[in-house]
C-alpha cells in the first residue's frame, strides 16, 4: 500500500472515531511503529489531526479556522498543480469566468494567462496579480474589492455589490471542505456569503479541490454537492469519496498525480 493511501485510511478512521492509537494502526496496516508515526507527522503537518501520546485525535477548530494563503500554498502542491491544469482546460476562450480566492484558483489563473478574450471576475488579490502580470490587452480583470480575510479573499458589502448583477459563464470555486451532507464549505462566514453570490452569478460551477478537502466541514456551506457541474480533484481521493461524488455532482474529473512509494 502506498503511504498516501494508508494516510487517507488513517484520516478516515480519525474522522469516524475521533482518534486512533499507534499500536492499533501498526497491527491494522502491518507496518512498523516508525512508519505510522511518520504518517501521523505528515497528517498533523497539513492540519488534518493532532498528535497525542500514543496516537492522534481529530484536529479541533476545523470548522472555524483556516490557514493563511502562504501556509496553504505549501500543502498538496503537486495535486493542486495537476488540478489547476485540468480546470483551466475547461474554460472557453472569449468567456466570462469567475475565480474565487484560494491557492488552487491562483494556480488556475497561471494557466489562463494565455487564454484569449477572457473577462475574469475575482475576489482574490493573488488571482488578479497573476493575470495583471500577463499584460494581455485582450483580457479584462475585475477585482471585486472588499476587506481581506486570513486566506486573502476580498469579502463584505463591497465585494457583494460588485458580484451581484453580473453574469458569468463559469465560476471556478476553491473550497475549504467537502462533505456528503454539508456540501462545499468554508470556515469564514463572510467569505461564504461572497462565494454564494459568485455561485448564483455562474452558469457553470467548477469546483477545484484536492483529496484532503473530502470529509472536512467548515462552519458555513457555500453550495450543496448537486449544484456542482464539474468537480476536479486528484487521484488520491478515496474510493468511497469517489463513489459518493460521482453520484452527487454533475461530472467528476480525477487528475493523475506523480507519486512516490513509502
C-alpha atoms as a PDB file:
ATOM      1  CA  UNK A   1       0.000   0.000   0.000  1.00  0.00           C
ATOM      2  CA  UNK A   2       1.242   3.486  -0.853  1.00  0.00           C
ATOM      3  CA  UNK A   3       1.919   5.891   2.003  1.00  0.00           C
ATOM      4  CA  UNK A   4      -0.686   8.337   0.656  1.00  0.00           C
ATOM      5  CA  UNK A   5      -3.359   5.632   0.604  1.00  0.00           C
ATOM      6  CA  UNK A   6      -2.525   4.499   4.139  1.00  0.00           C
ATOM      7  CA  UNK A   7      -2.648   8.052   5.433  1.00  0.00           C
ATOM      8  CA  UNK A   8      -6.071   8.649   3.932  1.00  0.00           C
ATOM      9  CA  UNK A   9      -7.368   5.490   5.615  1.00  0.00           C
ATOM     10  CA  UNK A  10      -5.904   6.675   8.917  1.00  0.00           C
ATOM     11  CA  UNK A  11      -7.571  10.042   8.469  1.00  0.00           C
ATOM     12  CA  UNK A  12     -10.900   8.396   7.689  1.00  0.00           C
ATOM     13  CA  UNK A  13     -10.673   6.476  10.979  1.00  0.00           C
ATOM     14  CA  UNK A  14      -9.820   9.656  12.909  1.00  0.00           C
ATOM     15  CA  UNK A  15     -12.816  11.441  11.407  1.00  0.00           C
ATOM     16  CA  UNK A  16     -15.068   8.479  12.162  1.00  0.00           C
ATOM     17  CA  UNK A  17     -13.873   7.624  15.685  1.00  0.00           C
ATOM     18  CA  UNK A  18     -12.387  10.918  16.834  1.00  0.00           C
ATOM     19  CA  UNK A  19      -8.943   9.398  17.391  1.00  0.00           C
ATOM     20  CA  UNK A  20      -6.543   6.498  16.756  1.00  0.00           C
ATOM     21  CA  UNK A  21      -3.816   4.609  18.634  1.00  0.00           C
ATOM     22  CA  UNK A  22      -0.406   3.922  17.124  1.00  0.00           C
ATOM     23  CA  UNK A  23      -0.460   0.285  18.324  1.00  0.00           C
ATOM     24  CA  UNK A  24      -3.789  -0.358  16.626  1.00  0.00           C
ATOM     25  CA  UNK A  25      -2.598   1.176  13.351  1.00  0.00           C
ATOM     26  CA  UNK A  26       0.633  -0.851  13.397  1.00  0.00           C
ATOM     27  CA  UNK A  27      -1.423  -4.034  13.674  1.00  0.00           C
ATOM     28  CA  UNK A  28      -4.071  -2.966  11.153  1.00  0.00           C
ATOM     29  CA  UNK A  29      -1.595  -1.994   8.421  1.00  0.00           C
ATOM     30  CA  UNK A  30       1.175  -4.474   9.304  1.00  0.00           C
ATOM     31  CA  UNK A  31       3.865  -1.777   9.242  1.00  0.00           C
ATOM     32  CA  UNK A  32       6.394  -0.520  11.762  1.00  0.00           C
ATOM     33  CA  UNK A  33       5.739   1.833  14.647  1.00  0.00           C
ATOM     34  CA  UNK A  34       8.066   4.376  12.983  1.00  0.00           C
ATOM     35  CA  UNK A  35       6.115   4.238   9.713  1.00  0.00           C
ATOM     36  CA  UNK A  36       2.856   5.041  11.499  1.00  0.00           C
ATOM     37  CA  UNK A  37       4.489   7.883  13.419  1.00  0.00           C
ATOM     38  CA  UNK A  38       5.742   9.352  10.133  1.00  0.00           C
ATOM     39  CA  UNK A  39       2.205   9.096   8.766  1.00  0.00           C
ATOM     40  CA  UNK A  40       0.824  10.933  11.793  1.00  0.00           C
ATOM     41  CA  UNK A  41       3.546  13.589  11.463  1.00  0.00           C
ATOM     42  CA  UNK A  42       2.558  14.172   7.827  1.00  0.00           C
ATOM     43  CA  UNK A  43      -1.153  14.373   8.656  1.00  0.00           C
ATOM     44  CA  UNK A  44      -0.512  16.762  11.539  1.00  0.00           C
ATOM     45  CA  UNK A  45       1.647  18.967   9.298  1.00  0.00           C
ATOM     46  CA  UNK A  46      -1.249  19.504   6.920  1.00  0.00           C
ATOM     47  CA  UNK A  47      -3.621  20.222   9.816  1.00  0.00           C
ATOM     48  CA  UNK A  48      -5.744  17.079   9.498  1.00  0.00           C
ATOM     49  CA  UNK A  49      -5.174  15.802  13.057  1.00  0.00           C
ATOM     50  CA  UNK A  50      -3.298  16.482  16.296  1.00  0.00           C
ATOM     51  CA  UNK A  51      -0.756  14.009  17.685  1.00  0.00           C
ATOM     52  CA  UNK A  52      -1.147  12.991  21.335  1.00  0.00           C
ATOM     53  CA  UNK A  53       0.717  10.482  23.497  1.00  0.00           C
ATOM     54  CA  UNK A  54       0.237   7.072  21.912  1.00  0.00           C
ATOM     55  CA  UNK A  55      -1.798   8.226  18.940  1.00  0.00           C
ATOM     56  CA  UNK A  56      -3.700  11.135  17.443  1.00  0.00           C
ATOM     57  CA  UNK A  57      -7.061  12.888  17.664  1.00  0.00           C
ATOM     58  CA  UNK A  58      -9.167  14.930  15.252  1.00  0.00           C
ATOM     59  CA  UNK A  59      -7.975  18.492  14.763  1.00  0.00           C
ATOM     60  CA  UNK A  60     -10.031  20.975  16.764  1.00  0.00           C
ATOM     61  CA  UNK A  61     -11.294  24.157  15.208  1.00  0.00           C
ATOM     62  CA  UNK A  62     -11.527  22.807  11.654  1.00  0.00           C
ATOM     63  CA  UNK A  63     -14.982  24.326  11.309  1.00  0.00           C
ATOM     64  CA  UNK A  64     -13.916  27.857  12.188  1.00  0.00           C
ATOM     65  CA  UNK A  65     -10.214  28.237  11.387  1.00  0.00           C
ATOM     66  CA  UNK A  66      -8.230  28.129   8.180  1.00  0.00           C
ATOM     67  CA  UNK A  67      -4.500  28.592   7.458  1.00  0.00           C
ATOM     68  CA  UNK A  68      -3.414  31.716   5.589  1.00  0.00           C
ATOM     69  CA  UNK A  69      -2.662  31.751   1.867  1.00  0.00           C
ATOM     70  CA  UNK A  70       1.110  31.309   2.253  1.00  0.00           C
ATOM     71  CA  UNK A  71       0.717  28.351   4.614  1.00  0.00           C
ATOM     72  CA  UNK A  72      -1.817  26.636   2.365  1.00  0.00           C
ATOM     73  CA  UNK A  73       0.281  27.172  -0.747  1.00  0.00           C
ATOM     74  CA  UNK A  74       2.848  24.678   0.573  1.00  0.00           C
ATOM     75  CA  UNK A  75       0.282  21.903   1.062  1.00  0.00           C
ATOM     76  CA  UNK A  76      -0.580  19.322  -1.644  1.00  0.00           C
ATOM     77  CA  UNK A  77       1.294  21.404  -4.209  1.00  0.00           C
ATOM     78  CA  UNK A  78       1.622  18.570  -6.753  1.00  0.00           C
ATOM     79  CA  UNK A  79      -2.076  17.794  -6.536  1.00  0.00           C
ATOM     80  CA  UNK A  80      -3.043  21.445  -6.868  1.00  0.00           C
ATOM     81  CA  UNK A  81      -0.895  21.926  -9.961  1.00  0.00           C
ATOM     82  CA  UNK A  82      -2.451  18.899 -11.660  1.00  0.00           C
ATOM     83  CA  UNK A  83      -5.948  20.070 -10.743  1.00  0.00           C
ATOM     84  CA  UNK A  84      -5.242  23.602 -11.978  1.00  0.00           C
ATOM     85  CA  UNK A  85      -4.175  22.356 -15.403  1.00  0.00           C
ATOM     86  CA  UNK A  86      -7.337  20.285 -15.754  1.00  0.00           C
ATOM     87  CA  UNK A  87      -9.584  23.132 -14.608  1.00  0.00           C
ATOM     88  CA  UNK A  88      -8.027  25.669 -16.972  1.00  0.00           C
ATOM     89  CA  UNK A  89      -8.715  23.331 -19.893  1.00  0.00           C
ATOM     90  CA  UNK A  90     -12.447  23.631 -19.112  1.00  0.00           C
ATOM     91  CA  UNK A  91     -12.509  27.420 -19.541  1.00  0.00           C
ATOM     92  CA  UNK A  92     -13.566  28.549 -23.004  1.00  0.00           C
ATOM     93  CA  UNK A  93     -11.776  31.450 -24.744  1.00  0.00           C
ATOM     94  CA  UNK A  94     -13.796  34.679 -25.000  1.00  0.00           C
ATOM     95  CA  UNK A  95     -15.930  33.793 -21.980  1.00  0.00           C
ATOM     96  CA  UNK A  96     -16.730  35.425 -18.647  1.00  0.00           C
ATOM     97  CA  UNK A  97     -15.183  33.448 -15.808  1.00  0.00           C
ATOM     98  CA  UNK A  98     -15.155  33.945 -12.055  1.00  0.00           C
ATOM     99  CA  UNK A  99     -12.265  32.792  -9.879  1.00  0.00           C
ATOM    100  CA  UNK A 100     -12.771  32.648  -6.136  1.00  0.00           C
ATOM    101  CA  UNK A 101      -9.883  33.147  -3.720  1.00  0.00           C
ATOM    102  CA  UNK A 102      -7.601  30.229  -2.920  1.00  0.00           C
ATOM    103  CA  UNK A 103      -4.245  28.629  -3.619  1.00  0.00           C
ATOM    104  CA  UNK A 104      -5.622  26.278  -6.271  1.00  0.00           C
ATOM    105  CA  UNK A 105      -7.522  29.010  -8.094  1.00  0.00           C
ATOM    106  CA  UNK A 106      -4.364  31.132  -8.130  1.00  0.00           C
ATOM    107  CA  UNK A 107      -2.666  28.268  -9.970  1.00  0.00           C
ATOM    108  CA  UNK A 108      -5.625  28.080 -12.366  1.00  0.00           C
ATOM    109  CA  UNK A 109      -5.036  31.759 -13.144  1.00  0.00           C
ATOM    110  CA  UNK A 110      -1.453  30.934 -14.136  1.00  0.00           C
ATOM    111  CA  UNK A 111      -2.795  28.557 -16.794  1.00  0.00           C
ATOM    112  CA  UNK A 112      -5.361  31.094 -18.028  1.00  0.00           C
ATOM    113  CA  UNK A 113      -2.819  33.799 -18.850  1.00  0.00           C
ATOM    114  CA  UNK A 114      -2.666  32.667 -22.492  1.00  0.00           C
ATOM    115  CA  UNK A 115      -6.400  32.042 -22.938  1.00  0.00           C
ATOM    116  CA  UNK A 116      -7.635  34.770 -25.304  1.00  0.00           C
ATOM    117  CA  UNK A 117     -10.520  37.147 -24.739  1.00  0.00           C
ATOM    118  CA  UNK A 118     -11.332  36.322 -21.127  1.00  0.00           C
ATOM    119  CA  UNK A 119     -13.260  38.568 -18.773  1.00  0.00           C
ATOM    120  CA  UNK A 120     -12.250  37.499 -15.265  1.00  0.00           C
ATOM    121  CA  UNK A 121     -14.092  38.498 -12.101  1.00  0.00           C
ATOM    122  CA  UNK A 122     -12.289  37.618  -8.879  1.00  0.00           C
ATOM    123  CA  UNK A 123     -12.201  38.426  -5.185  1.00  0.00           C
ATOM    124  CA  UNK A 124      -8.588  37.249  -4.969  1.00  0.00           C
ATOM    125  CA  UNK A 125      -5.662  39.659  -4.956  1.00  0.00           C
ATOM    126  CA  UNK A 126      -3.383  36.776  -5.967  1.00  0.00           C
ATOM    127  CA  UNK A 127      -5.507  35.830  -8.993  1.00  0.00           C
ATOM    128  CA  UNK A 128      -5.732  39.451 -10.123  1.00  0.00           C
ATOM    129  CA  UNK A 129      -1.970  39.880  -9.752  1.00  0.00           C
ATOM    130  CA  UNK A 130      -1.215  36.772 -11.835  1.00  0.00           C
ATOM    131  CA  UNK A 131      -3.426  37.941 -14.681  1.00  0.00           C
ATOM    132  CA  UNK A 132      -2.221  41.545 -14.399  1.00  0.00           C
ATOM    133  CA  UNK A 133       1.371  40.378 -14.883  1.00  0.00           C
ATOM    134  CA  UNK A 134       0.402  38.679 -18.156  1.00  0.00           C
ATOM    135  CA  UNK A 135      -0.206  42.166 -19.638  1.00  0.00           C
ATOM    136  CA  UNK A 136      -2.649  40.857 -22.234  1.00  0.00           C
ATOM    137  CA  UNK A 137      -4.721  43.615 -23.796  1.00  0.00           C
ATOM    138  CA  UNK A 138      -7.438  41.141 -24.836  1.00  0.00           C
ATOM    139  CA  UNK A 139      -8.230  40.192 -21.230  1.00  0.00           C
ATOM    140  CA  UNK A 140     -10.319  42.121 -18.706  1.00  0.00           C
ATOM    141  CA  UNK A 141      -9.814  41.552 -14.983  1.00  0.00           C
ATOM    142  CA  UNK A 142     -12.307  42.897 -12.444  1.00  0.00           C
ATOM    143  CA  UNK A 143     -11.226  42.747  -8.782  1.00  0.00           C
ATOM    144  CA  UNK A 144     -14.258  42.955  -6.520  1.00  0.00           C
ATOM    145  CA  UNK A 145     -12.751  44.936  -3.653  1.00  0.00           C
ATOM    146  CA  UNK A 146     -13.762  44.451  -0.024  1.00  0.00           C
ATOM    147  CA  UNK A 147     -11.920  43.664   3.187  1.00  0.00           C
ATOM    148  CA  UNK A 148      -9.340  40.913   3.375  1.00  0.00           C
ATOM    149  CA  UNK A 149      -9.702  37.555   5.161  1.00  0.00           C
ATOM    150  CA  UNK A 150      -6.772  35.473   6.513  1.00  0.00           C
ATOM    151  CA  UNK A 151      -6.920  33.418   3.299  1.00  0.00           C
ATOM    152  CA  UNK A 152      -6.599  36.614   1.226  1.00  0.00           C
ATOM    153  CA  UNK A 153     -10.181  36.668  -0.036  1.00  0.00           C
ATOM    154  CA  UNK A 154     -11.867  40.042  -0.515  1.00  0.00           C
ATOM    155  CA  UNK A 155     -15.294  39.918   1.128  1.00  0.00           C
ATOM    156  CA  UNK A 156     -18.011  42.068   2.657  1.00  0.00           C
ATOM    157  CA  UNK A 157     -20.600  44.542   1.322  1.00  0.00           C
ATOM    158  CA  UNK A 158     -18.355  45.996  -1.379  1.00  0.00           C
ATOM    159  CA  UNK A 159     -17.490  42.549  -2.728  1.00  0.00           C
ATOM    160  CA  UNK A 160     -21.151  41.528  -2.715  1.00  0.00           C
ATOM    161  CA  UNK A 161     -22.197  44.709  -4.530  1.00  0.00           C
ATOM    162  CA  UNK A 162     -19.538  44.038  -7.179  1.00  0.00           C
ATOM    163  CA  UNK A 163     -20.682  40.466  -7.788  1.00  0.00           C
ATOM    164  CA  UNK A 164     -24.441  40.908  -7.734  1.00  0.00           C
ATOM    165  CA  UNK A 165     -25.895  41.765 -11.092  1.00  0.00           C
ATOM    166  CA  UNK A 166     -23.135  40.177 -13.167  1.00  0.00           C
ATOM    167  CA  UNK A 167     -23.484  37.022 -15.250  1.00  0.00           C
ATOM    168  CA  UNK A 168     -20.636  34.531 -15.512  1.00  0.00           C
ATOM    169  CA  UNK A 169     -20.311  31.673 -17.957  1.00  0.00           C
ATOM    170  CA  UNK A 170     -18.191  29.702 -15.492  1.00  0.00           C
ATOM    171  CA  UNK A 171     -17.129  30.005 -11.861  1.00  0.00           C
ATOM    172  CA  UNK A 172     -14.017  28.220 -10.619  1.00  0.00           C
ATOM    173  CA  UNK A 173     -14.524  27.786  -6.884  1.00  0.00           C
ATOM    174  CA  UNK A 174     -11.936  26.802  -4.304  1.00  0.00           C
ATOM    175  CA  UNK A 175     -13.271  25.349  -1.039  1.00  0.00           C
ATOM    176  CA  UNK A 176     -12.057  24.504   2.446  1.00  0.00           C
ATOM    177  CA  UNK A 177     -14.077  21.321   2.790  1.00  0.00           C
ATOM    178  CA  UNK A 178     -16.369  18.863   1.012  1.00  0.00           C
ATOM    179  CA  UNK A 179     -18.877  16.724   2.864  1.00  0.00           C
ATOM    180  CA  UNK A 180     -21.696  14.485   1.689  1.00  0.00           C
ATOM    181  CA  UNK A 181     -24.261  16.326   3.826  1.00  0.00           C
ATOM    182  CA  UNK A 182     -22.727  19.777   4.420  1.00  0.00           C
ATOM    183  CA  UNK A 183     -21.658  20.208   0.784  1.00  0.00           C
ATOM    184  CA  UNK A 184     -18.917  22.707  -0.111  1.00  0.00           C
ATOM    185  CA  UNK A 185     -17.887  24.707   2.942  1.00  0.00           C
ATOM    186  CA  UNK A 186     -15.598  27.395   4.359  1.00  0.00           C
ATOM    187  CA  UNK A 187     -14.802  28.409   7.962  1.00  0.00           C
ATOM    188  CA  UNK A 188     -15.359  32.108   7.190  1.00  0.00           C
ATOM    189  CA  UNK A 189     -18.954  33.366   7.252  1.00  0.00           C
ATOM    190  CA  UNK A 190     -18.345  36.479   5.150  1.00  0.00           C
ATOM    191  CA  UNK A 191     -16.283  34.546   2.620  1.00  0.00           C
ATOM    192  CA  UNK A 192     -19.105  32.043   2.312  1.00  0.00           C
ATOM    193  CA  UNK A 193     -21.536  34.889   1.602  1.00  0.00           C
ATOM    194  CA  UNK A 194     -19.344  36.273  -1.184  1.00  0.00           C
ATOM    195  CA  UNK A 195     -18.800  32.810  -2.652  1.00  0.00           C
ATOM    196  CA  UNK A 196     -22.542  32.113  -2.629  1.00  0.00           C
ATOM    197  CA  UNK A 197     -23.063  35.297  -4.636  1.00  0.00           C
ATOM    198  CA  UNK A 198     -20.439  34.130  -7.145  1.00  0.00           C
ATOM    199  CA  UNK A 199     -22.184  30.746  -7.405  1.00  0.00           C
ATOM    200  CA  UNK A 200     -25.515  32.455  -8.065  1.00  0.00           C
ATOM    201  CA  UNK A 201     -23.916  34.514 -10.844  1.00  0.00           C
ATOM    202  CA  UNK A 202     -22.495  31.485 -12.651  1.00  0.00           C
ATOM    203  CA  UNK A 203     -23.993  29.338 -15.350  1.00  0.00           C
ATOM    204  CA  UNK A 204     -21.493  26.517 -14.791  1.00  0.00           C
ATOM    205  CA  UNK A 205     -19.892  25.777 -11.418  1.00  0.00           C
ATOM    206  CA  UNK A 206     -16.473  24.117 -11.460  1.00  0.00           C
ATOM    207  CA  UNK A 207     -15.068  23.200  -8.033  1.00  0.00           C
ATOM    208  CA  UNK A 208     -11.294  22.706  -7.745  1.00  0.00           C
ATOM    209  CA  UNK A 209     -10.402  20.707  -4.627  1.00  0.00           C
ATOM    210  CA  UNK A 210      -7.658  18.247  -3.727  1.00  0.00           C
ATOM    211  CA  UNK A 211      -8.400  14.986  -1.936  1.00  0.00           C
ATOM    212  CA  UNK A 212      -7.702  16.351   1.557  1.00  0.00           C
ATOM    213  CA  UNK A 213     -10.824  18.522   1.360  1.00  0.00           C
ATOM    214  CA  UNK A 214     -13.086  15.466   1.479  1.00  0.00           C
ATOM    215  CA  UNK A 215     -14.615  14.934   4.935  1.00  0.00           C
ATOM    216  CA  UNK A 216     -13.680  18.423   6.187  1.00  0.00           C
ATOM    217  CA  UNK A 217     -16.612  20.579   7.287  1.00  0.00           C
ATOM    218  CA  UNK A 218     -16.270  24.346   7.577  1.00  0.00           C
ATOM    219  CA  UNK A 219     -18.688  26.486   9.559  1.00  0.00           C
ATOM    220  CA  UNK A 220     -20.665  27.752   6.567  1.00  0.00           C
ATOM    221  CA  UNK A 221     -21.974  25.984   3.478  1.00  0.00           C
ATOM    222  CA  UNK A 222     -21.358  27.631   0.113  1.00  0.00           C
ATOM    223  CA  UNK A 223     -23.365  25.230  -2.041  1.00  0.00           C
ATOM    224  CA  UNK A 224     -24.693  21.652  -1.938  1.00  0.00           C
ATOM    225  CA  UNK A 225     -22.859  18.947  -3.848  1.00  0.00           C
ATOM    226  CA  UNK A 226     -25.553  18.685  -6.520  1.00  0.00           C
ATOM    227  CA  UNK A 227     -25.057  22.364  -7.500  1.00  0.00           C
ATOM    228  CA  UNK A 228     -21.606  21.488  -8.824  1.00  0.00           C
ATOM    229  CA  UNK A 229     -21.419  20.862 -12.563  1.00  0.00           C
ATOM    230  CA  UNK A 230     -17.793  19.685 -12.571  1.00  0.00           C
ATOM    231  CA  UNK A 231     -15.613  18.725  -9.611  1.00  0.00           C
ATOM    232  CA  UNK A 232     -11.903  18.409 -10.372  1.00  0.00           C
ATOM    233  CA  UNK A 233      -9.825  16.534  -7.791  1.00  0.00           C
ATOM    234  CA  UNK A 234      -6.771  14.268  -7.711  1.00  0.00           C
ATOM    235  CA  UNK A 235      -6.310  10.520  -7.810  1.00  0.00           C
ATOM    236  CA  UNK A 236      -5.607  10.263  -4.088  1.00  0.00           C
ATOM    237  CA  UNK A 237      -9.335  10.645  -3.434  1.00  0.00           C
ATOM    238  CA  UNK A 238     -10.608   7.558  -1.620  1.00  0.00           C
ATOM    239  CA  UNK A 239     -12.832   5.038  -3.447  1.00  0.00           C
ATOM    240  CA  UNK A 240     -15.721   5.774  -1.083  1.00  0.00           C
ATOM    241  CA  UNK A 241     -15.471   9.520  -1.667  1.00  0.00           C
ATOM    242  CA  UNK A 242     -15.177   8.982  -5.415  1.00  0.00           C
ATOM    243  CA  UNK A 243     -18.348   6.887  -5.440  1.00  0.00           C
ATOM    244  CA  UNK A 244     -20.305   9.489  -3.461  1.00  0.00           C
ATOM    245  CA  UNK A 245     -19.137  12.349  -5.650  1.00  0.00           C
ATOM    246  CA  UNK A 246     -19.885  10.507  -8.877  1.00  0.00           C
ATOM    247  CA  UNK A 247     -23.471  10.138  -7.673  1.00  0.00           C
ATOM    248  CA  UNK A 248     -23.864  13.714  -6.446  1.00  0.00           C
ATOM    249  CA  UNK A 249     -22.016  16.092  -8.790  1.00  0.00           C
ATOM    250  CA  UNK A 250     -22.661  16.584 -12.471  1.00  0.00           C
ATOM    251  CA  UNK A 251     -19.229  15.315 -13.533  1.00  0.00           C
ATOM    252  CA  UNK A 252     -16.205  14.132 -11.590  1.00  0.00           C
ATOM    253  CA  UNK A 253     -12.755  14.702 -13.115  1.00  0.00           C
ATOM    254  CA  UNK A 254      -9.904  12.855 -11.366  1.00  0.00           C
ATOM    255  CA  UNK A 255      -6.409  14.006 -12.308  1.00  0.00           C
ATOM    256  CA  UNK A 256      -3.298  11.813 -12.196  1.00  0.00           C
ATOM    257  CA  UNK A 257      -0.558  12.979  -9.831  1.00  0.00           C
ATOM    258  CA  UNK A 258       3.010  11.614  -9.759  1.00  0.00           C
ATOM    259  CA  UNK A 259       3.649   9.811  -6.504  1.00  0.00           C
ATOM    260  CA  UNK A 260       6.406   8.090  -4.580  1.00  0.00           C
ATOM    261  CA  UNK A 261       6.173   4.836  -2.651  1.00  0.00           C
ATOM    262  CA  UNK A 262       6.912   4.907   1.029  1.00  0.00           C
END
